[in-house]
Amino acid sequence: MFVSVFAAAVALSALTGCTRTSYAIHTNDGRTIVSDGKPKESDSGLLGYTDANGVKQQINKTDVKEVSEIPH
């Protein structure tokens, strides 16, 4: 019994340690986009991010007002 409880606790702690930080991308037109992981700037003037559905997206950096980390 102790071994199975211990194994479950180890598995749970391993899973929770792998969570990624989310970021809020606030746009100049008032939208807020939630990014899974930190958005990455490119040399072409775009900000790349993975949206909440796991789809890779890009937005023009001139359309972005602010990027902030979402506290857990």
C-alpha atoms as a PDB file:
ATOM      1  CA  MET A   1       0.000   0.000   0.000  1.00  0.00           C
ATOM      2  CA  PHE A   2       2.758   2.449   0.956  1.00  0.00           C
ATOM      3  CA  VAL A   3       4.648   1.726  -2.272  1.00  0.00           C
ATOM      4  CA  SER A   4       1.623   2.483  -4.473  1.00  0.00           C
ATOM      5  CA  VAL A   5       0.863   5.726  -2.590  1.00  0.00           C
ATOM      6  CA  PHE A   6       4.517   6.749  -2.861  1.00  0.00           C
ATOM      7  CA  ALA A   7       4.597   5.925  -6.589  1.00  0.00           C
ATOM      8  CA  ALA A   8       1.437   7.962  -7.166  1.00  0.00           C
ATOM      9  CA  ALA A   9       2.909  10.925  -5.274  1.00  0.00           C
ATOM     10  CA  VAL A  10       6.117  10.780  -7.335  1.00  0.00           C
ATOM     11  CA  ALA A  11       4.154  10.580 -10.598  1.00  0.00           C
ATOM     12  CA  LEU A  12       1.950  13.517  -9.615  1.00  0.00           C
ATOM     13  CA  SER A  13       4.899  15.687  -8.630  1.00  0.00           C
ATOM     14  CA  ALA A  14       6.648  14.869 -11.918  1.00  0.00           C
ATOM     15  CA  LEU A  15       3.578  15.883 -13.909  1.00  0.00           C
ATOM     16  CA  THR A  16       3.044  19.144 -12.064  1.00  0.00           C
ATOM     17  CA  GLY A  17       6.709  20.050 -12.477  1.00  0.00           C
ATOM     18  CA  CYS A  18       6.335  19.957 -16.260  1.00  0.00           C
ATOM     19  CA  THR A  19       3.687  22.636 -16.544  1.00  0.00           C
ATOM     20  CA  ARG A  20       4.547  25.499 -18.832  1.00  0.00           C
ATOM     21  CA  THR A  21       4.098  29.127 -18.017  1.00  0.00           C
ATOM     22  CA  SER A  22       1.337  30.927 -19.893  1.00  0.00           C
ATOM     23  CA  TYR A  23       1.627  34.474 -21.180  1.00  0.00           C
ATOM     24  CA  ALA A  24      -0.984  37.095 -22.039  1.00  0.00           C
ATOM     25  CA  ILE A  25      -0.414  38.979 -25.281  1.00  0.00           C
ATOM     26  CA  HIS A  26      -2.305  42.283 -25.125  1.00  0.00           C
ATOM     27  CA  THR A  27      -2.923  43.832 -28.535  1.00  0.00           C
ATOM     28  CA  ASN A  28      -3.353  47.470 -29.525  1.00  0.00           C
ATOM     29  CA  ASP A  29      -6.995  46.810 -30.482  1.00  0.00           C
ATOM     30  CA  GLY A  30      -7.881  45.512 -26.996  1.00  0.00           C
ATOM     31  CA  ARG A  31      -7.690  41.751 -27.531  1.00  0.00           C
ATOM     32  CA  THR A  32      -5.916  39.422 -25.111  1.00  0.00           C
ATOM     33  CA  ILE A  33      -4.353  36.256 -26.503  1.00  0.00           C
ATOM     34  CA  VAL A  34      -3.214  33.481 -24.161  1.00  0.00           C
ATOM     35  CA  SER A  35       0.066  31.855 -25.180  1.00  0.00           C
ATOM     36  CA  ASP A  36       1.216  28.439 -23.971  1.00  0.00           C
ATOM     37  CA  GLY A  37       4.862  29.173 -23.196  1.00  0.00           C
ATOM     38  CA  LYS A  38       6.842  32.327 -23.823  1.00  0.00           C
ATOM     39  CA  PRO A  39       6.271  33.966 -27.226  1.00  0.00           C
ATOM     40  CA  LYS A  40       9.342  34.207 -29.461  1.00  0.00           C
ATOM     41  CA  GLU A  41      10.293  37.266 -31.495  1.00  0.00           C
ATOM     42  CA  SER A  42      11.532  36.785 -35.043  1.00  0.00           C
ATOM     43  CA  ASP A  43      13.746  38.995 -37.182  1.00  0.00           C
ATOM     44  CA  SER A  44      10.869  39.409 -39.640  1.00  0.00           C
ATOM     45  CA  GLY A  45       8.832  41.525 -37.202  1.00  0.00           C
ATOM     46  CA  LEU A  46       6.525  38.755 -36.037  1.00  0.00           C
ATOM     47  CA  LEU A  47       5.847  37.338 -32.578  1.00  0.00           C
ATOM     48  CA  GLY A  48       5.392  33.568 -32.657  1.00  0.00           C
ATOM     49  CA  TYR A  49       3.398  31.753 -29.996  1.00  0.00           C
ATOM     50  CA  THR A  50       1.454  28.568 -29.345  1.00  0.00           C
ATOM     51  CA  ASP A  51      -2.193  29.289 -28.577  1.00  0.00           C
ATOM     52  CA  ALA A  52      -4.332  27.635 -25.892  1.00  0.00           C
ATOM     53  CA  ASN A  53      -5.348  24.899 -28.383  1.00  0.00           C
ATOM     54  CA  GLY A  54      -1.733  23.987 -29.158  1.00  0.00           C
ATOM     55  CA  VAL A  55      -1.730  25.649 -32.593  1.00  0.00           C
ATOM     56  CA  LYS A  56       1.331  27.693 -33.590  1.00  0.00           C
ATOM     57  CA  GLN A  57       0.380  31.268 -34.483  1.00  0.00           C
ATOM     58  CA  GLN A  58       2.118  34.530 -35.359  1.00  0.00           C
ATOM     59  CA  ILE A  59       1.161  38.155 -34.841  1.00  0.00           C
ATOM     60  CA  ASN A  60       2.826  41.310 -36.108  1.00  0.00           C
ATOM     61  CA  LYS A  61       4.902  42.862 -33.292  1.00  0.00           C
ATOM     62  CA  THR A  62       3.537  46.321 -34.155  1.00  0.00           C
ATOM     63  CA  ASP A  63       0.058  45.035 -33.176  1.00  0.00           C
ATOM     64  CA  VAL A  64       1.258  44.000 -29.689  1.00  0.00           C
ATOM     65  CA  LYS A  65       0.941  46.455 -26.818  1.00  0.00           C
ATOM     66  CA  GLU A  66       2.348  44.245 -24.041  1.00  0.00           C
ATOM     67  CA  VAL A  67       3.276  40.652 -23.189  1.00  0.00           C
ATOM     68  CA  SER A  68       2.967  39.576 -19.560  1.00  0.00           C
ATOM     69  CA  GLU A  69       3.359  36.324 -17.651  1.00  0.00           C
ATOM     70  CA  ILE A  70       0.142  34.912 -16.219  1.00  0.00           C
ATOM     71  CA  PRO A  71       0.712  34.074 -12.534  1.00  0.00           C
ATOM     72  CA  HIS A  72      -0.315  30.578 -11.387  1.00  0.00           C
END
